[in-house]
């Protein structure tokens, strides 16, 4: 579905930079060939710009559409977790259905009811009704250096990923130290602040977690 592609490009920073086919593929868990085909269709609809060997970015039209989808999706996720006490990892699919049935009026009412949350339970910023959103980290956990101390800031909105990270007991806001990158697309070894045992985070998951460096 094209909306899923627009949302993942938005999440990966496609409003401000070029996003690679590989990152979209990892984020959606879809083969690179399928990504190329859909990106071509989005470009035909003037929702993205695709520069071969450089990457993909959202057009103003694509960004407006994506921000609207993301806003409604994340408001529902926040409602489901905060008010209906859904599990952290289980809200994505429910919100996926609800976002498409949500009018702008309902989104505004939901935002008011929730007292204008800034981020969803997975750390993703919630755009305003006008489509504005603050700049967020675009740095992946996979790109952190060995020995670096970082804070997990947000997770890509993917049910499989969120279930996996919940099993590892990782949440946005956790402070971790990067121990080492295992070679040949092996796991990233990290250690949570105050924990004794290291945690192995898969190669794919480490490309779906955004961080900020601790100062």
Protein backbone atom coordinates (compact mmCIF):
# COMPACT_ATOMS: atom_id res chain seq x y z
CA UNK A 1 0.00 0.00 0.00
CA UNK A 2 1.41 3.36 -1.00
CA UNK A 3 0.50 4.93 2.34
CA UNK A 4 2.88 2.55 4.12
CA UNK A 5 5.70 3.67 1.84
CA UNK A 6 4.97 7.34 2.39
CA UNK A 7 4.92 6.86 6.16
CA UNK A 8 8.20 4.95 6.22
CA UNK A 9 9.91 7.52 3.99
CA UNK A 10 8.59 10.22 6.35
CA UNK A 11 9.85 8.32 9.41
CA UNK A 12 13.26 7.79 7.85
CA UNK A 13 13.62 11.53 7.29
CA UNK A 14 12.52 11.85 3.68
CA UNK A 15 11.30 15.38 4.32
CA UNK A 16 14.85 16.57 4.94
CA UNK A 17 17.17 14.10 3.25
CA UNK A 18 17.42 11.34 0.68
CA UNK A 19 16.36 7.90 1.89
CA UNK A 20 17.83 4.75 0.36
CA UNK A 21 15.91 1.82 -1.13
CA UNK A 22 17.73 -0.41 1.34
CA UNK A 23 16.48 1.52 4.38
CA UNK A 24 12.90 1.45 3.06
CA UNK A 25 13.26 -2.29 2.39
CA UNK A 26 14.56 -2.93 5.92
CA UNK A 27 11.87 -0.73 7.47
CA UNK A 28 8.98 -2.44 5.69
CA UNK A 29 10.46 -5.93 5.53
CA UNK A 30 9.87 -5.96 1.77
CA UNK A 31 12.18 -7.03 -1.05
CA UNK A 32 14.20 -4.23 -2.67
CA UNK A 33 12.65 -4.95 -6.08
CA UNK A 34 9.15 -4.28 -4.73
CA UNK A 35 10.36 -1.01 -3.18
CA UNK A 36 11.75 0.17 -6.54
CA UNK A 37 8.43 -0.58 -8.25
CA UNK A 38 6.32 1.32 -5.70
CA UNK A 39 8.73 4.27 -5.54
CA UNK A 40 8.38 4.60 -9.30
CA UNK A 41 4.58 4.80 -8.91
CA UNK A 42 4.88 7.39 -6.13
CA UNK A 43 7.18 9.45 -8.34
CA UNK A 44 4.59 9.31 -11.15
CA UNK A 45 2.03 10.72 -8.69
CA UNK A 46 4.53 13.48 -7.74
CA UNK A 47 4.60 12.31 -4.12
CA UNK A 48 8.33 11.58 -4.10
CA UNK A 49 11.43 12.47 -6.04
CA UNK A 50 13.74 9.58 -6.88
CA UNK A 51 17.28 10.33 -7.93
CA UNK A 52 19.06 7.12 -9.02
CA UNK A 53 22.06 6.31 -6.79
CA UNK A 54 21.20 9.31 -4.57
CA UNK A 55 17.93 8.29 -2.92
CA UNK A 56 14.27 9.14 -2.41
CA UNK A 57 12.72 12.23 -0.82
CA UNK A 58 9.18 13.47 -0.32
CA UNK A 59 7.77 16.29 -2.42
CA UNK A 60 5.78 19.00 -0.57
CA UNK A 61 2.63 17.18 -1.70
CA UNK A 62 3.98 13.85 -0.44
CA UNK A 63 5.10 15.33 2.86
CA UNK A 64 1.66 16.85 3.51
CA UNK A 65 -0.05 13.55 2.77
CA UNK A 66 2.42 11.55 4.88
CA UNK A 67 2.25 13.97 7.84
CA UNK A 68 -1.56 13.72 7.87
CA UNK A 69 -1.42 9.90 7.90
CA UNK A 70 1.28 9.81 10.57
CA UNK A 71 -0.60 12.30 12.77
CA UNK A 72 -3.79 10.23 12.79
CA UNK A 73 -1.92 6.96 13.21
CA UNK A 74 0.12 8.16 16.18
CA UNK A 75 -2.82 9.84 17.90
CA UNK A 76 -4.67 6.51 17.82
CA UNK A 77 -1.62 4.65 19.09
CA UNK A 78 -1.37 7.07 22.00
CA UNK A 79 -5.08 6.70 22.77
CA UNK A 80 -4.91 2.89 22.65
CA UNK A 81 -1.91 2.69 24.98
CA UNK A 82 -2.75 5.51 27.40
CA UNK A 83 -6.52 5.17 27.62
CA UNK A 84 -7.31 1.57 26.66
CA UNK A 85 -4.09 0.10 28.04
CA UNK A 86 -3.13 -1.77 24.91
CA UNK A 87 0.22 -3.48 24.85
CA UNK A 88 3.05 -1.29 23.51
CA UNK A 89 3.71 -3.67 20.59
CA UNK A 90 0.11 -4.37 19.60
CA UNK A 91 -1.28 -0.94 18.69
CA UNK A 92 0.23 -0.52 15.22
CA UNK A 93 -2.23 -2.76 13.37
CA UNK A 94 -5.26 -1.26 15.14
CA UNK A 95 -4.06 2.27 14.40
CA UNK A 96 -3.40 1.25 10.78
CA UNK A 97 -7.11 0.55 10.34
CA UNK A 98 -8.35 3.53 12.35
CA UNK A 99 -6.21 6.16 10.60
CA UNK A 100 -8.03 5.60 7.30
CA UNK A 101 -11.43 6.12 8.90
CA UNK A 102 -10.47 9.30 10.77
CA UNK A 103 -11.69 12.68 9.55
CA UNK A 104 -9.73 15.85 10.29
CA UNK A 105 -12.47 16.84 12.75
CA UNK A 106 -12.14 13.55 14.66
CA UNK A 107 -8.33 13.84 14.69
CA UNK A 108 -8.64 17.32 16.23
CA UNK A 109 -11.08 16.06 18.86
CA UNK A 110 -8.78 13.13 19.67
CA UNK A 111 -5.78 15.46 19.94
CA UNK A 112 -7.71 17.73 22.33
CA UNK A 113 -8.89 14.76 24.42
CA UNK A 114 -5.32 13.49 24.76
CA UNK A 115 -4.13 17.02 25.67
CA UNK A 116 -1.91 17.41 22.62
CA UNK A 117 0.71 14.68 22.98
CA UNK A 118 4.05 15.43 21.34
CA UNK A 119 5.01 11.83 20.58
CA UNK A 120 3.48 8.38 20.29
CA UNK A 121 4.43 5.46 22.59
CA UNK A 122 7.19 4.44 20.16
CA UNK A 123 8.84 7.87 20.32
CA UNK A 124 7.59 9.15 16.95
CA UNK A 125 6.67 12.85 16.84
CA UNK A 126 3.02 13.70 16.19
CA UNK A 127 2.65 16.39 13.48
CA UNK A 128 0.32 19.31 14.13
CA UNK A 129 -3.00 19.70 12.32
CA UNK A 130 -1.21 21.98 9.83
CA UNK A 131 1.40 19.31 9.14
CA UNK A 132 4.23 20.92 11.09
CA UNK A 133 6.59 18.81 13.19
CA UNK A 134 9.87 19.41 15.02
CA UNK A 135 13.17 18.13 13.70
CA UNK A 136 14.07 14.76 15.20
CA UNK A 137 17.11 12.51 15.22
CA UNK A 138 17.83 10.73 11.95
CA UNK A 139 20.76 8.75 13.38
CA UNK A 140 20.33 4.97 13.38
CA UNK A 141 21.50 2.73 16.21
CA UNK A 142 23.35 0.77 13.52
CA UNK A 143 25.51 3.85 12.85
CA UNK A 144 26.62 4.37 16.47
CA UNK A 145 30.29 3.75 17.17
CA UNK A 146 31.63 1.04 19.45
CA UNK A 147 31.92 2.41 23.00
CA UNK A 148 29.45 5.25 22.36
CA UNK A 149 26.75 6.00 24.94
CA UNK A 150 23.39 6.83 23.36
CA UNK A 151 19.70 7.15 24.20
CA UNK A 152 17.12 5.17 22.24
CA UNK A 153 14.82 7.87 20.91
CA UNK A 154 12.25 6.20 18.68
CA UNK A 155 11.39 2.92 16.97
CA UNK A 156 9.98 2.46 13.49
CA UNK A 157 6.31 1.55 13.65
CA UNK A 158 6.41 -2.14 12.74
CA UNK A 159 4.57 -4.83 14.72
CA UNK A 160 7.25 -7.49 14.28
CA UNK A 161 9.96 -5.04 15.32
CA UNK A 162 8.05 -3.75 18.34
CA UNK A 163 7.28 -7.27 19.55
CA UNK A 164 10.95 -8.16 19.19
CA UNK A 165 12.12 -5.06 21.09
CA UNK A 166 9.59 -5.67 23.85
CA UNK A 167 11.03 -9.18 24.28
CA UNK A 168 14.46 -7.54 24.63
CA UNK A 169 12.90 -5.11 27.16
CA UNK A 170 13.97 -2.07 25.18
CA UNK A 171 11.93 1.14 25.14
CA UNK A 172 12.37 4.71 23.87
CA UNK A 173 14.29 6.66 26.49
CA UNK A 174 16.58 3.78 27.46
CA UNK A 175 20.24 4.74 27.82
CA UNK A 176 22.61 2.17 26.32
CA UNK A 177 26.29 1.72 25.52
CA UNK A 178 27.25 0.23 22.16
CA UNK A 179 29.65 -2.62 22.92
CA UNK A 180 30.45 -3.81 19.40
CA UNK A 181 29.15 -4.45 15.88
CA UNK A 182 29.42 -8.12 14.98
CA UNK A 183 30.77 -8.59 11.42
CA UNK A 184 28.91 -9.79 8.31
CA UNK A 185 25.59 -8.18 9.24
CA UNK A 186 25.65 -9.81 12.65
CA UNK A 187 23.91 -8.35 15.69
CA UNK A 188 24.79 -5.12 17.43
CA UNK A 189 25.78 -5.78 21.04
CA UNK A 190 24.59 -3.13 23.52
CA UNK A 191 24.36 -2.80 27.30
CA UNK A 192 21.57 -0.93 29.08
CA UNK A 193 22.55 1.50 31.82
CA UNK A 194 22.60 -0.35 35.13
CA UNK A 195 22.35 -3.81 33.53
CA UNK A 196 24.93 -6.57 33.88
CA UNK A 197 24.21 -8.58 30.76
CA UNK A 198 24.66 -7.30 27.19
CA UNK A 199 21.82 -7.47 24.68
CA UNK A 200 22.16 -8.61 21.07
CA UNK A 201 20.07 -6.44 18.72
CA UNK A 202 19.65 -7.88 15.23
CA UNK A 203 21.14 -6.15 12.20
CA UNK A 204 17.67 -5.40 10.83
CA UNK A 205 16.36 -4.03 14.13
CA UNK A 206 19.41 -1.79 14.59
CA UNK A 207 18.43 -0.11 11.29
CA UNK A 208 14.94 0.56 12.66
CA UNK A 209 15.91 2.31 15.91
CA UNK A 210 16.80 6.00 16.06
CA UNK A 211 19.11 7.40 18.71
CA UNK A 212 20.54 10.60 20.12
CA UNK A 213 24.07 10.77 21.45
CA UNK A 214 24.42 11.34 25.19
CA UNK A 215 26.35 14.48 26.06
